[in-house]
């Protein structure tokens, strides 16, 4: 956690600029997500980064709790919220397993561009399921680094893989396919209700899924 936090702290100031080449994917994902938000929603923005999504969605929902492990990312997110006159957001430097967040607290959990970086994605999905209210909604978009991408992006990914192997980038960046994300969502007891593969130089997979209740039935042997 400490090495990952330090890495994201160090990249925070330049993060928005590095993501500019993928703005079409980001914009399309935000447009898709808006269709699934309601004015009464209490939202958790998990891995909020510099707060772009948080600030853009704040006016459409009742409140947003935005979390990130990076203190520098949270600082920038707060500045962005102030610049956009956003007041219904609570920014906290923490992770999703923080015990202050109770079961059934949220109508929506957002996870944009981060499921491929978490150490234990199945545990994360279980925690998201726990935090959502009955019939709650999970909305995510995830880079699919085994799917279609341009030559330039592929070269960049290969460099990132090398830097991960030698420890310069101290986070696990998974090369996922969209089908693997489908399995991750299903294994977390979610039912997908909307999905789209978005491509612009690289492939990302946008998913909206509803929380399913775990079966409590006892099967006689």
C-alpha atoms as a PDB file:
ATOM      1  CA  UNK A   1       0.000   0.000   0.000  1.00  0.00           C
ATOM      2  CA  UNK A   2       2.732   2.477   0.959  1.00  0.00           C
ATOM      3  CA  UNK A   3       4.666   1.972  -2.294  1.00  0.00           C
ATOM      4  CA  UNK A   4       1.496   2.217  -4.337  1.00  0.00           C
ATOM      5  CA  UNK A   5       0.468   5.375  -2.477  1.00  0.00           C
ATOM      6  CA  UNK A   6       3.894   6.902  -3.096  1.00  0.00           C
ATOM      7  CA  UNK A   7       3.677   6.036  -6.796  1.00  0.00           C
ATOM      8  CA  UNK A   8       0.270   7.693  -7.222  1.00  0.00           C
ATOM      9  CA  UNK A   9       1.405  10.695  -5.176  1.00  0.00           C
ATOM     10  CA  UNK A  10       4.358  11.124  -7.541  1.00  0.00           C
ATOM     11  CA  UNK A  11       2.200  10.860 -10.669  1.00  0.00           C
ATOM     12  CA  UNK A  12      -0.704  13.008  -9.448  1.00  0.00           C
ATOM     13  CA  UNK A  13       0.465  16.384 -10.762  1.00  0.00           C
ATOM     14  CA  UNK A  14       0.862  15.057 -14.309  1.00  0.00           C
ATOM     15  CA  UNK A  15      -1.980  12.527 -14.280  1.00  0.00           C
ATOM     16  CA  UNK A  16      -4.587  14.541 -16.168  1.00  0.00           C
ATOM     17  CA  UNK A  17      -2.122  15.369 -18.937  1.00  0.00           C
ATOM     18  CA  UNK A  18      -1.102  11.736 -19.416  1.00  0.00           C
ATOM     19  CA  UNK A  19      -4.762  10.787 -19.821  1.00  0.00           C
ATOM     20  CA  UNK A  20      -5.524  13.380 -22.503  1.00  0.00           C
ATOM     21  CA  UNK A  21      -4.896  10.926 -25.353  1.00  0.00           C
ATOM     22  CA  UNK A  22      -7.730   8.752 -24.011  1.00  0.00           C
ATOM     23  CA  UNK A  23     -10.206  11.605 -23.548  1.00  0.00           C
ATOM     24  CA  UNK A  24     -12.648  10.128 -26.060  1.00  0.00           C
ATOM     25  CA  UNK A  25     -12.877   6.948 -23.959  1.00  0.00           C
ATOM     26  CA  UNK A  26     -13.223   8.937 -20.745  1.00  0.00           C
ATOM     27  CA  UNK A  27     -15.882  11.246 -22.191  1.00  0.00           C
ATOM     28  CA  UNK A  28     -17.884   8.382 -23.690  1.00  0.00           C
ATOM     29  CA  UNK A  29     -17.744   6.486 -20.380  1.00  0.00           C
ATOM     30  CA  UNK A  30     -19.027   9.519 -18.469  1.00  0.00           C
ATOM     31  CA  UNK A  31     -21.859  10.005 -20.976  1.00  0.00           C
ATOM     32  CA  UNK A  32     -22.865   6.354 -20.588  1.00  0.00           C
ATOM     33  CA  UNK A  33     -22.705   6.506 -16.800  1.00  0.00           C
ATOM     34  CA  UNK A  34     -24.928   9.571 -16.525  1.00  0.00           C
ATOM     35  CA  UNK A  35     -27.849   7.556 -17.884  1.00  0.00           C
ATOM     36  CA  UNK A  36     -27.741   5.373 -14.752  1.00  0.00           C
ATOM     37  CA  UNK A  37     -27.554   8.109 -12.106  1.00  0.00           C
ATOM     38  CA  UNK A  38     -30.503   9.592 -10.194  1.00  0.00           C
ATOM     39  CA  UNK A  39     -30.831  12.811  -8.227  1.00  0.00           C
ATOM     40  CA  UNK A  40     -31.454  10.810  -5.022  1.00  0.00           C
ATOM     41  CA  UNK A  41     -28.326   8.653  -5.333  1.00  0.00           C
ATOM     42  CA  UNK A  42     -25.644   8.446  -2.662  1.00  0.00           C
ATOM     43  CA  UNK A  43     -22.486   7.566  -4.583  1.00  0.00           C
ATOM     44  CA  UNK A  44     -19.054   6.178  -3.748  1.00  0.00           C
ATOM     45  CA  UNK A  45     -16.374   7.172  -6.268  1.00  0.00           C
ATOM     46  CA  UNK A  46     -13.740   4.516  -5.631  1.00  0.00           C
ATOM     47  CA  UNK A  47     -10.278   5.530  -6.837  1.00  0.00           C
ATOM     48  CA  UNK A  48     -11.403   9.073  -7.624  1.00  0.00           C
ATOM     49  CA  UNK A  49      -7.952  10.237  -8.750  1.00  0.00           C
ATOM     50  CA  UNK A  50      -7.911  13.960  -9.503  1.00  0.00           C
ATOM     51  CA  UNK A  51     -11.686  14.156  -9.147  1.00  0.00           C
ATOM     52  CA  UNK A  52     -12.765  14.801 -12.743  1.00  0.00           C
ATOM     53  CA  UNK A  53     -15.628  12.300 -12.593  1.00  0.00           C
ATOM     54  CA  UNK A  54     -16.577  13.340  -9.060  1.00  0.00           C
ATOM     55  CA  UNK A  55     -16.977  16.987 -10.010  1.00  0.00           C
ATOM     56  CA  UNK A  56     -18.833  16.225 -13.241  1.00  0.00           C
ATOM     57  CA  UNK A  57     -21.365  13.890 -11.605  1.00  0.00           C
ATOM     58  CA  UNK A  58     -21.920  15.857  -8.392  1.00  0.00           C
ATOM     59  CA  UNK A  59     -24.773  17.956  -9.768  1.00  0.00           C
ATOM     60  CA  UNK A  60     -26.699  14.846 -10.844  1.00  0.00           C
ATOM     61  CA  UNK A  61     -26.757  13.050  -7.473  1.00  0.00           C
ATOM     62  CA  UNK A  62     -27.511  13.745  -3.818  1.00  0.00           C
ATOM     63  CA  UNK A  63     -23.963  13.269  -2.549  1.00  0.00           C
ATOM     64  CA  UNK A  64     -20.661  11.653  -3.467  1.00  0.00           C
ATOM     65  CA  UNK A  65     -18.063  10.119  -1.188  1.00  0.00           C
ATOM     66  CA  UNK A  66     -14.814  10.176  -3.161  1.00  0.00           C
ATOM     67  CA  UNK A  67     -11.851   8.102  -2.016  1.00  0.00           C
ATOM     68  CA  UNK A  68      -8.296   7.501  -3.197  1.00  0.00           C
ATOM     69  CA  UNK A  69      -5.192   6.106  -1.541  1.00  0.00           C
ATOM     70  CA  UNK A  70      -3.136   9.068  -2.784  1.00  0.00           C
ATOM     71  CA  UNK A  71      -3.113  12.229  -0.668  1.00  0.00           C
ATOM     72  CA  UNK A  72      -1.850  14.227  -3.656  1.00  0.00           C
ATOM     73  CA  UNK A  73      -4.709  13.002  -5.837  1.00  0.00           C
ATOM     74  CA  UNK A  74      -7.190  13.991  -3.133  1.00  0.00           C
ATOM     75  CA  UNK A  75      -5.622  17.461  -2.870  1.00  0.00           C
ATOM     76  CA  UNK A  76      -6.041  18.002  -6.609  1.00  0.00           C
ATOM     77  CA  UNK A  77      -9.582  16.609  -6.513  1.00  0.00           C
ATOM     78  CA  UNK A  78     -10.527  19.072  -3.768  1.00  0.00           C
ATOM     79  CA  UNK A  79      -9.075  21.950  -5.790  1.00  0.00           C
ATOM     80  CA  UNK A  80     -11.066  20.847  -8.835  1.00  0.00           C
ATOM     81  CA  UNK A  81     -14.261  20.690  -6.769  1.00  0.00           C
ATOM     82  CA  UNK A  82     -13.716  24.202  -5.437  1.00  0.00           C
ATOM     83  CA  UNK A  83     -13.043  25.502  -8.961  1.00  0.00           C
ATOM     84  CA  UNK A  84     -16.336  23.947 -10.103  1.00  0.00           C
ATOM     85  CA  UNK A  85     -18.311  25.122  -7.027  1.00  0.00           C
ATOM     86  CA  UNK A  86     -19.031  21.521  -6.012  1.00  0.00           C
ATOM     87  CA  UNK A  87     -20.250  21.210  -2.420  1.00  0.00           C
ATOM     88  CA  UNK A  88     -21.949  17.800  -2.080  1.00  0.00           C
ATOM     89  CA  UNK A  89     -18.710  15.770  -2.105  1.00  0.00           C
ATOM     90  CA  UNK A  90     -16.704  14.326   0.777  1.00  0.00           C
ATOM     91  CA  UNK A  91     -13.093  13.591  -0.230  1.00  0.00           C
ATOM     92  CA  UNK A  92     -11.131  11.133   1.910  1.00  0.00           C
ATOM     93  CA  UNK A  93      -7.684   9.596   1.502  1.00  0.00           C
ATOM     94  CA  UNK A  94      -8.404   5.922   2.177  1.00  0.00           C
ATOM     95  CA  UNK A  95      -9.261   2.639   0.480  1.00  0.00           C
ATOM     96  CA  UNK A  96     -12.508   0.796  -0.049  1.00  0.00           C
ATOM     97  CA  UNK A  97     -11.991  -1.450   2.981  1.00  0.00           C
ATOM     98  CA  UNK A  98     -12.169   1.505   5.380  1.00  0.00           C
ATOM     99  CA  UNK A  99     -14.565   0.412   8.143  1.00  0.00           C
ATOM    100  CA  UNK A 100     -16.210   3.837   8.350  1.00  0.00           C
ATOM    101  CA  UNK A 101     -18.161   2.792   5.240  1.00  0.00           C
ATOM    102  CA  UNK A 102     -20.920   0.450   6.368  1.00  0.00           C
ATOM    103  CA  UNK A 103     -22.836  -2.276   4.586  1.00  0.00           C
ATOM    104  CA  UNK A 104     -25.635  -1.042   2.365  1.00  0.00           C
ATOM    105  CA  UNK A 105     -24.478   2.589   2.421  1.00  0.00           C
ATOM    106  CA  UNK A 106     -24.498   3.455  -1.279  1.00  0.00           C
ATOM    107  CA  UNK A 107     -26.889   3.480  -4.208  1.00  0.00           C
ATOM    108  CA  UNK A 108     -24.020   3.543  -6.711  1.00  0.00           C
ATOM    109  CA  UNK A 109     -20.343   2.614  -6.613  1.00  0.00           C
ATOM    110  CA  UNK A 110     -18.115   3.973  -9.380  1.00  0.00           C
ATOM    111  CA  UNK A 111     -14.801   2.333 -10.288  1.00  0.00           C
ATOM    112  CA  UNK A 112     -13.310   4.117 -13.281  1.00  0.00           C
ATOM    113  CA  UNK A 113      -9.964   3.032 -14.756  1.00  0.00           C
ATOM    114  CA  UNK A 114      -8.686   1.227 -11.694  1.00  0.00           C
ATOM    115  CA  UNK A 115      -9.876  -2.412 -11.465  1.00  0.00           C
ATOM    116  CA  UNK A 116      -6.825  -3.487 -13.480  1.00  0.00           C
ATOM    117  CA  UNK A 117      -4.554  -2.036 -10.770  1.00  0.00           C
ATOM    118  CA  UNK A 118      -6.007  -3.362  -7.504  1.00  0.00           C
ATOM    119  CA  UNK A 119      -4.098  -6.152  -5.700  1.00  0.00           C
ATOM    120  CA  UNK A 120      -7.141  -8.383  -5.072  1.00  0.00           C
ATOM    121  CA  UNK A 121      -9.954  -7.669  -7.560  1.00  0.00           C
ATOM    122  CA  UNK A 122     -12.282 -10.432  -6.303  1.00  0.00           C
ATOM    123  CA  UNK A 123     -12.050  -9.107  -2.740  1.00  0.00           C
ATOM    124  CA  UNK A 124     -12.719  -5.615  -4.054  1.00  0.00           C
ATOM    125  CA  UNK A 125     -15.842  -6.805  -5.872  1.00  0.00           C
ATOM    126  CA  UNK A 126     -17.078  -8.531  -2.712  1.00  0.00           C
ATOM    127  CA  UNK A 127     -16.566  -5.304  -0.779  1.00  0.00           C
ATOM    128  CA  UNK A 128     -18.410  -3.268  -3.428  1.00  0.00           C
ATOM    129  CA  UNK A 129     -21.297  -5.742  -3.249  1.00  0.00           C
ATOM    130  CA  UNK A 130     -21.352  -5.346   0.536  1.00  0.00           C
ATOM    131  CA  UNK A 131     -21.358  -1.542   0.417  1.00  0.00           C
ATOM    132  CA  UNK A 132     -24.217  -1.277  -2.066  1.00  0.00           C
ATOM    133  CA  UNK A 133     -27.850  -1.076  -1.037  1.00  0.00           C
ATOM    134  CA  UNK A 134     -30.220  -3.807  -2.281  1.00  0.00           C
ATOM    135  CA  UNK A 135     -30.612  -3.263  -6.033  1.00  0.00           C
ATOM    136  CA  UNK A 136     -27.582  -0.944  -5.935  1.00  0.00           C
ATOM    137  CA  UNK A 137     -25.617  -0.200  -9.099  1.00  0.00           C
ATOM    138  CA  UNK A 138     -21.965  -0.786  -9.917  1.00  0.00           C
ATOM    139  CA  UNK A 139     -20.551   1.318 -12.774  1.00  0.00           C
ATOM    140  CA  UNK A 140     -17.047   0.799 -14.098  1.00  0.00           C
ATOM    141  CA  UNK A 141     -14.785   1.276 -17.065  1.00  0.00           C
ATOM    142  CA  UNK A 142     -11.550  -0.694 -17.295  1.00  0.00           C
ATOM    143  CA  UNK A 143      -8.695  -0.695 -19.820  1.00  0.00           C
ATOM    144  CA  UNK A 144      -8.510  -4.067 -21.593  1.00  0.00           C
ATOM    145  CA  UNK A 145      -4.805  -4.447 -22.173  1.00  0.00           C
ATOM    146  CA  UNK A 146      -5.150  -7.779 -23.976  1.00  0.00           C
ATOM    147  CA  UNK A 147      -7.682  -6.426 -26.440  1.00  0.00           C
ATOM    148  CA  UNK A 148      -7.252  -4.168 -29.462  1.00  0.00           C
ATOM    149  CA  UNK A 149      -4.858  -1.217 -29.198  1.00  0.00           C
ATOM    150  CA  UNK A 150      -2.769   0.965 -31.492  1.00  0.00           C
ATOM    151  CA  UNK A 151       0.910   0.263 -32.117  1.00  0.00           C
ATOM    152  CA  UNK A 152       1.944   3.318 -30.079  1.00  0.00           C
ATOM    153  CA  UNK A 153      -0.186   2.334 -27.086  1.00  0.00           C
ATOM    154  CA  UNK A 154       1.079  -1.245 -27.305  1.00  0.00           C
ATOM    155  CA  UNK A 155       4.663   0.018 -27.102  1.00  0.00           C
ATOM    156  CA  UNK A 156       3.737   2.083 -24.063  1.00  0.00           C
ATOM    157  CA  UNK A 157       2.117  -0.933 -22.371  1.00  0.00           C
ATOM    158  CA  UNK A 158       5.190  -3.065 -23.046  1.00  0.00           C
ATOM    159  CA  UNK A 159       7.362  -0.403 -21.393  1.00  0.00           C
ATOM    160  CA  UNK A 160       4.997  -0.277 -18.413  1.00  0.00           C
ATOM    161  CA  UNK A 161       5.198  -4.080 -18.065  1.00  0.00           C
ATOM    162  CA  UNK A 162       9.006  -3.876 -17.927  1.00  0.00           C
ATOM    163  CA  UNK A 163       8.884  -1.095 -15.324  1.00  0.00           C
ATOM    164  CA  UNK A 164       6.456  -3.179 -13.247  1.00  0.00           C
ATOM    165  CA  UNK A 165       8.727  -6.218 -13.406  1.00  0.00           C
ATOM    166  CA  UNK A 166      11.768  -4.304 -12.191  1.00  0.00           C
ATOM    167  CA  UNK A 167       9.789  -2.535  -9.473  1.00  0.00           C
ATOM    168  CA  UNK A 168       9.883   1.031 -10.747  1.00  0.00           C
ATOM    169  CA  UNK A 169       6.098   0.907 -11.032  1.00  0.00           C
ATOM    170  CA  UNK A 170       5.112  -0.820  -7.742  1.00  0.00           C
ATOM    171  CA  UNK A 171       1.549  -1.764  -8.685  1.00  0.00           C
ATOM    172  CA  UNK A 172       0.059  -4.822 -10.344  1.00  0.00           C
ATOM    173  CA  UNK A 173      -1.232  -3.721 -13.745  1.00  0.00           C
ATOM    174  CA  UNK A 174      -3.273  -6.595 -15.158  1.00  0.00           C
ATOM    175  CA  UNK A 175      -3.650  -7.210 -18.860  1.00  0.00           C
ATOM    176  CA  UNK A 176      -7.339  -8.099 -18.974  1.00  0.00           C
ATOM    177  CA  UNK A 177      -9.825  -9.033 -21.661  1.00  0.00           C
ATOM    178  CA  UNK A 178     -13.422  -7.869 -21.572  1.00  0.00           C
ATOM    179  CA  UNK A 179     -14.548 -11.466 -21.007  1.00  0.00           C
ATOM    180  CA  UNK A 180     -12.447 -11.617 -17.831  1.00  0.00           C
ATOM    181  CA  UNK A 181     -14.189  -8.496 -16.565  1.00  0.00           C
ATOM    182  CA  UNK A 182     -17.546 -10.135 -17.311  1.00  0.00           C
ATOM    183  CA  UNK A 183     -16.460 -13.072 -15.143  1.00  0.00           C
ATOM    184  CA  UNK A 184     -15.230 -10.776 -12.358  1.00  0.00           C
ATOM    185  CA  UNK A 185     -18.569  -8.964 -12.267  1.00  0.00           C
ATOM    186  CA  UNK A 186     -20.598 -12.188 -12.344  1.00  0.00           C
ATOM    187  CA  UNK A 187     -18.439 -13.824  -9.661  1.00  0.00           C
ATOM    188  CA  UNK A 188     -19.092 -10.790  -7.459  1.00  0.00           C
ATOM    189  CA  UNK A 189     -22.845 -11.489  -7.543  1.00  0.00           C
ATOM    190  CA  UNK A 190     -23.739  -8.771 -10.022  1.00  0.00           C
ATOM    191  CA  UNK A 191     -25.942  -8.895 -13.097  1.00  0.00           C
ATOM    192  CA  UNK A 192     -24.747  -6.793 -16.025  1.00  0.00           C
ATOM    193  CA  UNK A 193     -27.461  -4.542 -17.459  1.00  0.00           C
ATOM    194  CA  UNK A 194     -25.359  -2.407 -19.805  1.00  0.00           C
ATOM    195  CA  UNK A 195     -21.952  -2.861 -21.407  1.00  0.00           C
ATOM    196  CA  UNK A 196     -19.972  -1.302 -24.231  1.00  0.00           C
ATOM    197  CA  UNK A 197     -16.496  -1.795 -25.650  1.00  0.00           C
ATOM    198  CA  UNK A 198     -15.015   1.634 -26.300  1.00  0.00           C
ATOM    199  CA  UNK A 199     -11.992   2.063 -28.548  1.00  0.00           C
ATOM    200  CA  UNK A 200      -9.803   5.036 -29.347  1.00  0.00           C
ATOM    201  CA  UNK A 201      -6.192   3.953 -29.603  1.00  0.00           C
ATOM    202  CA  UNK A 202      -6.884   1.411 -26.866  1.00  0.00           C
ATOM    203  CA  UNK A 203      -9.798  -0.736 -25.708  1.00  0.00           C
ATOM    204  CA  UNK A 204     -11.778  -0.033 -22.563  1.00  0.00           C
ATOM    205  CA  UNK A 205     -14.825  -1.885 -21.307  1.00  0.00           C
ATOM    206  CA  UNK A 206     -17.722   0.046 -19.809  1.00  0.00           C
ATOM    207  CA  UNK A 207     -20.021  -1.986 -17.540  1.00  0.00           C
ATOM    208  CA  UNK A 208     -23.126  -1.270 -15.481  1.00  0.00           C
ATOM    209  CA  UNK A 209     -24.269  -4.055 -13.171  1.00  0.00           C
ATOM    210  CA  UNK A 210     -26.964  -4.490 -10.547  1.00  0.00           C
ATOM    211  CA  UNK A 211     -26.314  -6.047  -7.161  1.00  0.00           C
ATOM    212  CA  UNK A 212     -27.813  -9.505  -6.821  1.00  0.00           C
ATOM    213  CA  UNK A 213     -28.726 -10.940  -3.437  1.00  0.00           C
ATOM    214  CA  UNK A 214     -26.693 -13.936  -2.392  1.00  0.00           C
ATOM    215  CA  UNK A 215     -28.818 -17.042  -2.110  1.00  0.00           C
ATOM    216  CA  UNK A 216     -29.546 -18.125   1.444  1.00  0.00           C
ATOM    217  CA  UNK A 217     -31.219 -21.361   0.426  1.00  0.00           C
ATOM    218  CA  UNK A 218     -30.037 -24.549   2.083  1.00  0.00           C
ATOM    219  CA  UNK A 219     -29.830 -27.553  -0.163  1.00  0.00           C
ATOM    220  CA  UNK A 220     -30.427 -30.891   1.541  1.00  0.00           C
ATOM    221  CA  UNK A 221     -27.830 -33.499   0.744  1.00  0.00           C
END
